[in-house]
Amino acid sequence: MIYITQLIYIHEGQEHTFHQFEDVAIPLIEKYKGKLLLRLRPSAGQLIAGELEMPYEVHLVSFPAKEDFDAFKLDKEREQFLHLKDAAVRKMLLVQGNAL
């Protein structure tokens, strides 16, 4: 099992565009045996400490194997909507790991 954590930073005013992409991408996770474990939208008041800026959203997703995650990333339907992600997302930090 692998776990993917994404800290997602979007361009100001592109929330709707980002949500359009997520409306397509998130349901596809299950097609590749993945699970959306958490989808958080933190606010500035929730930051206790840290050097990173507050992301717009944080996603925690699991897949049985890296190959399943790779197949999800290459999904043809998802690829048709990547222009929405490109327009909305300013930067993204992706952390891949395993449960201990």
PDB file of N, CA and C in Angstrom:
ATOM      1  N   MET A   1       0.848  -1.173   0.000  1.00  0.00           N
ATOM      2  CA  MET A   1       0.000   0.000   0.000  1.00  0.00           C
ATOM      3  C   MET A   1       0.890   1.232   0.000  1.00  0.00           C
ATOM      4  N   ILE A   2       0.589   2.175  -0.888  1.00  0.00           N
ATOM      5  CA  ILE A   2       1.298   3.454  -0.872  1.00  0.00           C
ATOM      6  C   ILE A   2       0.309   4.556  -0.529  1.00  0.00           C
ATOM      7  N   TYR A   3       0.828   5.596   0.038  1.00  0.00           N
ATOM      8  CA  TYR A   3       0.031   6.757   0.414  1.00  0.00           C
ATOM      9  C   TYR A   3       0.595   7.983  -0.291  1.00  0.00           C
ATOM     10  N   ILE A   4      -0.299   8.779  -0.830  1.00  0.00           N
ATOM     11  CA  ILE A   4       0.064  10.002  -1.529  1.00  0.00           C
ATOM     12  C   ILE A   4      -0.581  11.160  -0.780  1.00  0.00           C
ATOM     13  N   THR A   5       0.249  12.104  -0.362  1.00  0.00           N
ATOM     14  CA  THR A   5      -0.250  13.331   0.250  1.00  0.00           C
ATOM     15  C   THR A   5       0.080  14.474  -0.693  1.00  0.00           C
ATOM     16  N   GLN A   6      -0.921  15.286  -0.992  1.00  0.00           N
ATOM     17  CA  GLN A   6      -0.719  16.441  -1.859  1.00  0.00           C
ATOM     18  C   GLN A   6      -1.093  17.705  -1.105  1.00  0.00           C
ATOM     19  N   LEU A   7      -0.197  18.684  -1.133  1.00  0.00           N
ATOM     20  CA  LEU A   7      -0.506  20.027  -0.686  1.00  0.00           C
ATOM     21  C   LEU A   7      -0.699  20.833  -1.957  1.00  0.00           C
ATOM     22  N   ILE A   8      -1.889  21.367  -2.136  1.00  0.00           N
ATOM     23  CA  ILE A   8      -2.266  21.987  -3.409  1.00  0.00           C
ATOM     24  C   ILE A   8      -2.451  23.482  -3.203  1.00  0.00           C
ATOM     25  N   TYR A   9      -1.740  24.258  -4.006  1.00  0.00           N
ATOM     26  CA  TYR A   9      -1.794  25.721  -3.965  1.00  0.00           C
ATOM     27  C   TYR A   9      -2.375  26.190  -5.296  1.00  0.00           C
ATOM     28  N   ILE A  10      -3.433  26.961  -5.245  1.00  0.00           N
ATOM     29  CA  ILE A  10      -4.073  27.389  -6.498  1.00  0.00           C
ATOM     30  C   ILE A  10      -3.898  28.889  -6.712  1.00  0.00           C
ATOM     31  N   HIS A  11      -4.062  29.286  -7.957  1.00  0.00           N
ATOM     32  CA  HIS A  11      -4.050  30.703  -8.302  1.00  0.00           C
ATOM     33  C   HIS A  11      -5.297  31.361  -7.719  1.00  0.00           C
ATOM     34  N   GLU A  12      -5.127  32.548  -7.198  1.00  0.00           N
ATOM     35  CA  GLU A  12      -6.266  33.286  -6.648  1.00  0.00           C
ATOM     36  C   GLU A  12      -7.348  33.440  -7.710  1.00  0.00           C
ATOM     37  N   GLY A  13      -8.581  33.172  -7.319  1.00  0.00           N
ATOM     38  CA  GLY A  13      -9.712  33.306  -8.224  1.00  0.00           C
ATOM     39  C   GLY A  13      -9.969  32.087  -9.099  1.00  0.00           C
ATOM     40  N   GLN A  14      -9.177  31.034  -8.955  1.00  0.00           N
ATOM     41  CA  GLN A  14      -9.329  29.842  -9.797  1.00  0.00           C
ATOM     42  C   GLN A  14      -9.964  28.671  -9.055  1.00  0.00           C
ATOM     43  N   GLU A  15     -10.649  28.955  -7.972  1.00  0.00           N
ATOM     44  CA  GLU A  15     -11.282  27.896  -7.194  1.00  0.00           C
ATOM     45  C   GLU A  15     -12.264  27.087  -8.038  1.00  0.00           C
ATOM     46  N   HIS A  16     -13.095  27.757  -8.809  1.00  0.00           N
ATOM     47  CA  HIS A  16     -14.107  27.065  -9.620  1.00  0.00           C
ATOM     48  C   HIS A  16     -13.433  26.148 -10.657  1.00  0.00           C
ATOM     49  N   THR A  17     -12.383  26.630 -11.285  1.00  0.00           N
ATOM     50  CA  THR A  17     -11.661  25.827 -12.277  1.00  0.00           C
ATOM     51  C   THR A  17     -11.047  24.596 -11.620  1.00  0.00           C
ATOM     52  N   PHE A  18     -10.468  24.788 -10.435  1.00  0.00           N
ATOM     53  CA  PHE A  18      -9.892  23.663  -9.696  1.00  0.00           C
ATOM     54  C   PHE A  18     -10.966  22.642  -9.350  1.00  0.00           C
ATOM     55  N   HIS A  19     -12.117  23.094  -8.900  1.00  0.00           N
ATOM     56  CA  HIS A  19     -13.211  22.180  -8.540  1.00  0.00           C
ATOM     57  C   HIS A  19     -13.710  21.418  -9.763  1.00  0.00           C
ATOM     58  N   GLN A  20     -13.716  22.056 -10.930  1.00  0.00           N
ATOM     59  CA  GLN A  20     -14.120  21.358 -12.151  1.00  0.00           C
ATOM     60  C   GLN A  20     -13.178  20.179 -12.431  1.00  0.00           C
ATOM     61  N   PHE A  21     -11.887  20.411 -12.258  1.00  0.00           N
ATOM     62  CA  PHE A  21     -10.924  19.322 -12.464  1.00  0.00           C
ATOM     63  C   PHE A  21     -11.125  18.233 -11.418  1.00  0.00           C
ATOM     64  N   GLU A  22     -11.278  18.605 -10.178  1.00  0.00           N
ATOM     65  CA  GLU A  22     -11.452  17.626  -9.104  1.00  0.00           C
ATOM     66  C   GLU A  22     -12.731  16.805  -9.283  1.00  0.00           C
ATOM     67  N   ASP A  23     -13.769  17.407  -9.828  1.00  0.00           N
ATOM     68  CA  ASP A  23     -15.022  16.680 -10.068  1.00  0.00           C
ATOM     69  C   ASP A  23     -14.823  15.519 -11.038  1.00  0.00           C
ATOM     70  N   VAL A  24     -13.817  15.627 -11.899  1.00  0.00           N
ATOM     71  CA  VAL A  24     -13.482  14.541 -12.828  1.00  0.00           C
ATOM     72  C   VAL A  24     -12.460  13.597 -12.201  1.00  0.00           C
ATOM     73  N   ALA A  25     -11.406  14.157 -11.621  1.00  0.00           N
ATOM     74  CA  ALA A  25     -10.271  13.353 -11.166  1.00  0.00           C
ATOM     75  C   ALA A  25     -10.584  12.498  -9.943  1.00  0.00           C
ATOM     76  N   ILE A  26     -11.263  13.049  -8.969  1.00  0.00           N
ATOM     77  CA  ILE A  26     -11.476  12.311  -7.721  1.00  0.00           C
ATOM     78  C   ILE A  26     -12.277  11.022  -7.926  1.00  0.00           C
ATOM     79  N   PRO A  27     -13.368  11.024  -8.688  1.00  0.00           N
ATOM     80  CA  PRO A  27     -14.078   9.755  -8.894  1.00  0.00           C
ATOM     81  C   PRO A  27     -13.245   8.682  -9.609  1.00  0.00           C
ATOM     82  N   LEU A  28     -12.229   9.091 -10.358  1.00  0.00           N
ATOM     83  CA  LEU A  28     -11.390   8.126 -11.072  1.00  0.00           C
ATOM     84  C   LEU A  28     -10.436   7.369 -10.153  1.00  0.00           C
ATOM     85  N   ILE A  29     -10.214   7.869  -8.961  1.00  0.00           N
ATOM     86  CA  ILE A  29      -9.304   7.208  -8.022  1.00  0.00           C
ATOM     87  C   ILE A  29      -9.740   5.762  -7.791  1.00  0.00           C
ATOM     88  N   GLU A  30     -11.023   5.550  -7.565  1.00  0.00           N
ATOM     89  CA  GLU A  30     -11.540   4.202  -7.290  1.00  0.00           C
ATOM     90  C   GLU A  30     -11.358   3.250  -8.466  1.00  0.00           C
ATOM     91  N   LYS A  31     -11.388   3.797  -9.681  1.00  0.00           N
ATOM     92  CA  LYS A  31     -11.193   2.976 -10.886  1.00  0.00           C
ATOM     93  C   LYS A  31      -9.839   2.259 -10.847  1.00  0.00           C
ATOM     94  N   TYR A  32      -8.882   2.850 -10.144  1.00  0.00           N
ATOM     95  CA  TYR A  32      -7.529   2.294 -10.054  1.00  0.00           C
ATOM     96  C   TYR A  32      -7.244   1.756  -8.654  1.00  0.00           C
ATOM     97  N   LYS A  33      -8.308   1.313  -7.976  1.00  0.00           N
ATOM     98  CA  LYS A  33      -8.236   0.669  -6.657  1.00  0.00           C
ATOM     99  C   LYS A  33      -7.746   1.602  -5.550  1.00  0.00           C
ATOM    100  N   GLY A  34      -7.810   2.910  -5.816  1.00  0.00           N
ATOM    101  CA  GLY A  34      -7.384   3.871  -4.818  1.00  0.00           C
ATOM    102  C   GLY A  34      -8.530   4.318  -3.931  1.00  0.00           C
ATOM    103  N   LYS A  35      -8.179   4.974  -2.839  1.00  0.00           N
ATOM    104  CA  LYS A  35      -9.175   5.512  -1.911  1.00  0.00           C
ATOM    105  C   LYS A  35      -8.779   6.925  -1.528  1.00  0.00           C
ATOM    106  N   LEU A  36      -9.753   7.818  -1.554  1.00  0.00           N
ATOM    107  CA  LEU A  36      -9.555   9.172  -1.036  1.00  0.00           C
ATOM    108  C   LEU A  36      -9.782   9.097   0.465  1.00  0.00           C
ATOM    109  N   LEU A  37      -8.705   9.197   1.228  1.00  0.00           N
ATOM    110  CA  LEU A  37      -8.784   9.044   2.679  1.00  0.00           C
ATOM    111  C   LEU A  37      -9.130  10.357   3.371  1.00  0.00           C
ATOM    112  N   LEU A  38      -8.590  11.458   2.870  1.00  0.00           N
ATOM    113  CA  LEU A  38      -8.878  12.784   3.424  1.00  0.00           C
ATOM    114  C   LEU A  38      -8.823  13.825   2.316  1.00  0.00           C
ATOM    115  N   ARG A  39      -9.712  14.780   2.389  1.00  0.00           N
ATOM    116  CA  ARG A  39      -9.653  15.958   1.537  1.00  0.00           C
ATOM    117  C   ARG A  39      -9.970  17.131   2.455  1.00  0.00           C
ATOM    118  N   LEU A  40      -8.944  17.909   2.756  1.00  0.00           N
ATOM    119  CA  LEU A  40      -9.075  18.993   3.715  1.00  0.00           C
ATOM    120  C   LEU A  40      -8.875  20.340   3.037  1.00  0.00           C
ATOM    121  N   ARG A  41      -9.594  21.332   3.524  1.00  0.00           N
ATOM    122  CA  ARG A  41      -9.401  22.705   3.065  1.00  0.00           C
ATOM    123  C   ARG A  41      -9.119  23.550   4.309  1.00  0.00           C
ATOM    124  N   PRO A  42      -7.829  23.650   4.689  1.00  0.00           N
ATOM    125  CA  PRO A  42      -7.484  24.361   5.919  1.00  0.00           C
ATOM    126  C   PRO A  42      -7.633  25.873   5.772  1.00  0.00           C
ATOM    127  N   SER A  43      -7.768  26.530   6.911  1.00  0.00           N
ATOM    128  CA  SER A  43      -7.837  27.990   6.920  1.00  0.00           C
ATOM    129  C   SER A  43      -6.639  28.533   7.691  1.00  0.00           C
ATOM    130  N   ALA A  44      -6.345  29.792   7.503  1.00  0.00           N
ATOM    131  CA  ALA A  44      -5.169  30.409   8.115  1.00  0.00           C
ATOM    132  C   ALA A  44      -5.184  30.270   9.631  1.00  0.00           C
ATOM    133  N   GLY A  45      -6.336  30.312  10.256  1.00  0.00           N
ATOM    134  CA  GLY A  45      -6.429  30.204  11.704  1.00  0.00           C
ATOM    135  C   GLY A  45      -6.073  28.838  12.246  1.00  0.00           C
ATOM    136  N   GLN A  46      -5.934  27.847  11.386  1.00  0.00           N
ATOM    137  CA  GLN A  46      -5.632  26.493  11.827  1.00  0.00           C
ATOM    138  C   GLN A  46      -4.140  26.193  11.871  1.00  0.00           C
ATOM    139  N   LEU A  47      -3.319  27.076  11.341  1.00  0.00           N
ATOM    140  CA  LEU A  47      -1.880  26.860  11.321  1.00  0.00           C
ATOM    141  C   LEU A  47      -1.315  27.085  12.717  1.00  0.00           C
ATOM    142  N   ILE A  48      -0.663  26.077  13.265  1.00  0.00           N
ATOM    143  CA  ILE A  48      -0.039  26.176  14.580  1.00  0.00           C
ATOM    144  C   ILE A  48       1.412  26.625  14.425  1.00  0.00           C
ATOM    145  N   ALA A  49       2.143  25.994  13.517  1.00  0.00           N
ATOM    146  CA  ALA A  49       3.540  26.348  13.263  1.00  0.00           C
ATOM    147  C   ALA A  49       3.961  25.741  11.943  1.00  0.00           C
ATOM    148  N   GLY A  50       5.021  26.271  11.367  1.00  0.00           N
ATOM    149  CA  GLY A  50       5.557  25.702  10.142  1.00  0.00           C
ATOM    150  C   GLY A  50       6.084  26.766   9.209  1.00  0.00           C
ATOM    151  N   GLU A  51       6.894  26.318   8.268  1.00  0.00           N
ATOM    152  CA  GLU A  51       7.514  27.221   7.311  1.00  0.00           C
ATOM    153  C   GLU A  51       6.774  27.296   5.982  1.00  0.00           C
ATOM    154  N   LEU A  52       5.929  26.309   5.711  1.00  0.00           N
ATOM    155  CA  LEU A  52       5.197  26.299   4.438  1.00  0.00           C
ATOM    156  C   LEU A  52       4.002  27.228   4.492  1.00  0.00           C
ATOM    157  N   GLU A  53       3.642  27.753   3.335  1.00  0.00           N
ATOM    158  CA  GLU A  53       2.411  28.539   3.263  1.00  0.00           C
ATOM    159  C   GLU A  53       1.216  27.593   3.352  1.00  0.00           C
ATOM    160  N   MET A  54       0.085  28.121   3.764  1.00  0.00           N
ATOM    161  CA  MET A  54      -1.124  27.326   3.905  1.00  0.00           C
ATOM    162  C   MET A  54      -1.634  26.916   2.520  1.00  0.00           C
ATOM    163  N   PRO A  55      -1.791  25.619   2.256  1.00  0.00           N
ATOM    164  CA  PRO A  55      -2.316  25.185   0.956  1.00  0.00           C
ATOM    165  C   PRO A  55      -3.819  25.425   0.875  1.00  0.00           C
ATOM    166  N   TYR A  56      -4.320  25.450  -0.350  1.00  0.00           N
ATOM    167  CA  TYR A  56      -5.766  25.557  -0.556  1.00  0.00           C
ATOM    168  C   TYR A  56      -6.446  24.265  -0.119  1.00  0.00           C
ATOM    169  N   GLU A  57      -5.868  23.127  -0.525  1.00  0.00           N
ATOM    170  CA  GLU A  57      -6.382  21.825  -0.112  1.00  0.00           C
ATOM    171  C   GLU A  57      -5.237  20.873   0.179  1.00  0.00           C
ATOM    172  N   VAL A  58      -5.548  19.875   1.002  1.00  0.00           N
ATOM    173  CA  VAL A  58      -4.635  18.773   1.297  1.00  0.00           C
ATOM    174  C   VAL A  58      -5.394  17.486   1.003  1.00  0.00           C
ATOM    175  N   HIS A  59      -4.806  16.621   0.207  1.00  0.00           N
ATOM    176  CA  HIS A  59      -5.406  15.327  -0.118  1.00  0.00           C
ATOM    177  C   HIS A  59      -4.516  14.210   0.405  1.00  0.00           C
ATOM    178  N   LEU A  60      -5.126  13.194   0.976  1.00  0.00           N
ATOM    179  CA  LEU A  60      -4.432  11.961   1.343  1.00  0.00           C
ATOM    180  C   LEU A  60      -5.154  10.832   0.627  1.00  0.00           C
ATOM    181  N   VAL A  61      -4.413  10.126  -0.235  1.00  0.00           N
ATOM    182  CA  VAL A  61      -4.972   9.072  -1.072  1.00  0.00           C
ATOM    183  C   VAL A  61      -4.116   7.820  -0.890  1.00  0.00           C
ATOM    184  N   SER A  62      -4.734   6.656  -0.958  1.00  0.00           N
ATOM    185  CA  SER A  62      -3.972   5.409  -0.918  1.00  0.00           C
ATOM    186  C   SER A  62      -4.251   4.599  -2.180  1.00  0.00           C
ATOM    187  N   PHE A  63      -3.236   3.842  -2.597  1.00  0.00           N
ATOM    188  CA  PHE A  63      -3.343   2.898  -3.702  1.00  0.00           C
ATOM    189  C   PHE A  63      -2.661   1.612  -3.263  1.00  0.00           C
ATOM    190  N   PRO A  64      -3.146   0.452  -3.728  1.00  0.00           N
ATOM    191  CA  PRO A  64      -2.503  -0.807  -3.351  1.00  0.00           C
ATOM    192  C   PRO A  64      -1.029  -0.877  -3.776  1.00  0.00           C
ATOM    193  N   ALA A  65      -0.699  -0.269  -4.909  1.00  0.00           N
ATOM    194  CA  ALA A  65       0.672  -0.323  -5.423  1.00  0.00           C
ATOM    195  C   ALA A  65       0.969   0.927  -6.241  1.00  0.00           C
ATOM    196  N   LYS A  66       2.240   1.231  -6.407  1.00  0.00           N
ATOM    197  CA  LYS A  66       2.656   2.392  -7.196  1.00  0.00           C
ATOM    198  C   LYS A  66       2.130   2.299  -8.621  1.00  0.00           C
ATOM    199  N   GLU A  67       2.052   1.091  -9.161  1.00  0.00           N
ATOM    200  CA  GLU A  67       1.552   0.903 -10.529  1.00  0.00           C
ATOM    201  C   GLU A  67       0.103   1.379 -10.665  1.00  0.00           C
ATOM    202  N   ASP A  68      -0.690   1.206  -9.619  1.00  0.00           N
ATOM    203  CA  ASP A  68      -2.074   1.682  -9.655  1.00  0.00           C
ATOM    204  C   ASP A  68      -2.115   3.208  -9.690  1.00  0.00           C
ATOM    205  N   PHE A  69      -1.248   3.834  -8.890  1.00  0.00           N
ATOM    206  CA  PHE A  69      -1.159   5.303  -8.901  1.00  0.00           C
ATOM    207  C   PHE A  69      -0.693   5.797 -10.268  1.00  0.00           C
ATOM    208  N   ASP A  70       0.305   5.140 -10.830  1.00  0.00           N
ATOM    209  CA  ASP A  70       0.809   5.520 -12.152  1.00  0.00           C
ATOM    210  C   ASP A  70      -0.286   5.391 -13.212  1.00  0.00           C
ATOM    211  N   ALA A  71      -1.080   4.334 -13.138  1.00  0.00           N
ATOM    212  CA  ALA A  71      -2.177   4.147 -14.098  1.00  0.00           C
ATOM    213  C   ALA A  71      -3.221   5.246 -13.938  1.00  0.00           C
ATOM    214  N   PHE A  72      -3.514   5.631 -12.715  1.00  0.00           N
ATOM    215  CA  PHE A  72      -4.444   6.737 -12.468  1.00  0.00           C
ATOM    216  C   PHE A  72      -3.941   8.028 -13.130  1.00  0.00           C
ATOM    217  N   LYS A  73      -2.668   8.323 -12.967  1.00  0.00           N
ATOM    218  CA  LYS A  73      -2.105   9.547 -13.546  1.00  0.00           C
ATOM    219  C   LYS A  73      -2.188   9.560 -15.066  1.00  0.00           C
ATOM    220  N   LEU A  74      -2.179   8.359 -15.687  1.00  0.00           N
ATOM    221  CA  LEU A  74      -2.205   8.260 -17.148  1.00  0.00           C
ATOM    222  C   LEU A  74      -3.609   8.034 -17.713  1.00  0.00           C
ATOM    223  N   ASP A  75      -4.622   8.095 -16.863  1.00  0.00           N
ATOM    224  CA  ASP A  75      -5.999   7.863 -17.300  1.00  0.00           C
ATOM    225  C   ASP A  75      -6.370   8.840 -18.424  1.00  0.00           C
ATOM    226  N   LYS A  76      -6.920   8.314 -19.504  1.00  0.00           N
ATOM    227  CA  LYS A  76      -7.248   9.136 -20.686  1.00  0.00           C
ATOM    228  C   LYS A  76      -8.324  10.178 -20.389  1.00  0.00           C
ATOM    229  N   GLU A  77      -9.326   9.816 -19.610  1.00  0.00           N
ATOM    230  CA  GLU A  77     -10.367  10.788 -19.267  1.00  0.00           C
ATOM    231  C   GLU A  77      -9.774  11.926 -18.432  1.00  0.00           C
ATOM    232  N   ARG A  78      -8.950  11.580 -17.451  1.00  0.00           N
ATOM    233  CA  ARG A  78      -8.299  12.591 -16.608  1.00  0.00           C
ATOM    234  C   ARG A  78      -7.417  13.507 -17.458  1.00  0.00           C
ATOM    235  N   GLU A  79      -6.695  12.933 -18.406  1.00  0.00           N
ATOM    236  CA  GLU A  79      -5.802  13.728 -19.257  1.00  0.00           C
ATOM    237  C   GLU A  79      -6.559  14.786 -20.064  1.00  0.00           C
ATOM    238  N   GLN A  80      -7.814  14.502 -20.411  1.00  0.00           N
ATOM    239  CA  GLN A  80      -8.621  15.464 -21.176  1.00  0.00           C
ATOM    240  C   GLN A  80      -8.923  16.728 -20.381  1.00  0.00           C
ATOM    241  N   PHE A  81      -8.790  16.656 -19.052  1.00  0.00           N
ATOM    242  CA  PHE A  81      -9.135  17.783 -18.196  1.00  0.00           C
ATOM    243  C   PHE A  81      -7.917  18.393 -17.503  1.00  0.00           C
ATOM    244  N   LEU A  82      -6.722  17.956 -17.874  1.00  0.00           N
ATOM    245  CA  LEU A  82      -5.517  18.490 -17.247  1.00  0.00           C
ATOM    246  C   LEU A  82      -5.341  19.990 -17.483  1.00  0.00           C
ATOM    247  N   HIS A  83      -5.928  20.504 -18.573  1.00  0.00           N
ATOM    248  CA  HIS A  83      -5.833  21.946 -18.818  1.00  0.00           C
ATOM    249  C   HIS A  83      -6.494  22.740 -17.695  1.00  0.00           C
ATOM    250  N   LEU A  84      -7.526  22.169 -17.058  1.00  0.00           N
ATOM    251  CA  LEU A  84      -8.168  22.834 -15.924  1.00  0.00           C
ATOM    252  C   LEU A  84      -7.222  22.861 -14.724  1.00  0.00           C
ATOM    253  N   LYS A  85      -6.565  21.750 -14.486  1.00  0.00           N
ATOM    254  CA  LYS A  85      -5.585  21.684 -13.397  1.00  0.00           C
ATOM    255  C   LYS A  85      -4.454  22.669 -13.653  1.00  0.00           C
ATOM    256  N   ASP A  86      -3.949  22.689 -14.871  1.00  0.00           N
ATOM    257  CA  ASP A  86      -2.852  23.590 -15.215  1.00  0.00           C
ATOM    258  C   ASP A  86      -3.247  25.055 -15.033  1.00  0.00           C
ATOM    259  N   ALA A  87      -4.485  25.382 -15.342  1.00  0.00           N
ATOM    260  CA  ALA A  87      -4.959  26.763 -15.203  1.00  0.00           C
ATOM    261  C   ALA A  87      -5.160  27.155 -13.743  1.00  0.00           C
ATOM    262  N   ALA A  88      -5.534  26.196 -12.913  1.00  0.00           N
ATOM    263  CA  ALA A  88      -5.902  26.508 -11.536  1.00  0.00           C
ATOM    264  C   ALA A  88      -4.767  26.356 -10.531  1.00  0.00           C
ATOM    265  N   VAL A  89      -3.915  25.380 -10.724  1.00  0.00           N
ATOM    266  CA  VAL A  89      -2.910  25.053  -9.704  1.00  0.00           C
ATOM    267  C   VAL A  89      -1.635  25.858  -9.936  1.00  0.00           C
ATOM    268  N   ARG A  90      -1.252  26.583  -8.912  1.00  0.00           N
ATOM    269  CA  ARG A  90      -0.018  27.376  -8.934  1.00  0.00           C
ATOM    270  C   ARG A  90       1.180  26.494  -8.644  1.00  0.00           C
ATOM    271  N   LYS A  91       1.056  25.616  -7.632  1.00  0.00           N
ATOM    272  CA  LYS A  91       2.099  24.644  -7.324  1.00  0.00           C
ATOM    273  C   LYS A  91       1.489  23.544  -6.479  1.00  0.00           C
ATOM    274  N   MET A  92       2.206  22.429  -6.428  1.00  0.00           N
ATOM    275  CA  MET A  92       1.728  21.276  -5.674  1.00  0.00           C
ATOM    276  C   MET A  92       2.938  20.562  -5.072  1.00  0.00           C
ATOM    277  N   LEU A  93       2.796  20.157  -3.835  1.00  0.00           N
ATOM    278  CA  LEU A  93       3.811  19.342  -3.180  1.00  0.00           C
ATOM    279  C   LEU A  93       3.214  17.964  -2.992  1.00  0.00           C
ATOM    280  N   LEU A  94       3.864  16.959  -3.585  1.00  0.00           N
ATOM    281  CA  LEU A  94       3.387  15.585  -3.491  1.00  0.00           C
ATOM    282  C   LEU A  94       4.389  14.784  -2.664  1.00  0.00           C
ATOM    283  N   VAL A  95       3.878  14.114  -1.629  1.00  0.00           N
ATOM    284  CA  VAL A  95       4.712  13.289  -0.767  1.00  0.00           C
ATOM    285  C   VAL A  95       4.181  11.856  -0.867  1.00  0.00           C
ATOM    286  N   GLN A  96       5.061  10.926  -1.206  1.00  0.00           N
ATOM    287  CA  GLN A  96       4.678   9.523  -1.350  1.00  0.00           C
ATOM    288  C   GLN A  96       5.340   8.724  -0.229  1.00  0.00           C
ATOM    289  N   GLY A  97       4.564   7.857   0.409  1.00  0.00           N
ATOM    290  CA  GLY A  97       5.143   7.069   1.468  1.00  0.00           C
ATOM    291  C   GLY A  97       4.360   5.797   1.742  1.00  0.00           C
ATOM    292  N   ASN A  98       4.782   5.089   2.777  1.00  0.00           N
ATOM    293  CA  ASN A  98       4.161   3.852   3.204  1.00  0.00           C
ATOM    294  C   ASN A  98       3.755   3.976   4.669  1.00  0.00           C
ATOM    295  N   ALA A  99       2.756   3.238   5.068  1.00  0.00           N
ATOM    296  CA  ALA A  99       2.339   3.227   6.473  1.00  0.00           C
ATOM    297  C   ALA A  99       3.400   2.484   7.291  1.00  0.00           C
ATOM    298  N   LEU A 100       3.629   2.968   8.472  1.00  0.00           N
ATOM    299  CA  LEU A 100       4.593   2.305   9.370  1.00  0.00           C
ATOM    300  C   LEU A 100       3.870   1.542  10.433  1.00  0.00           C
TER     301      LEU A 100
END
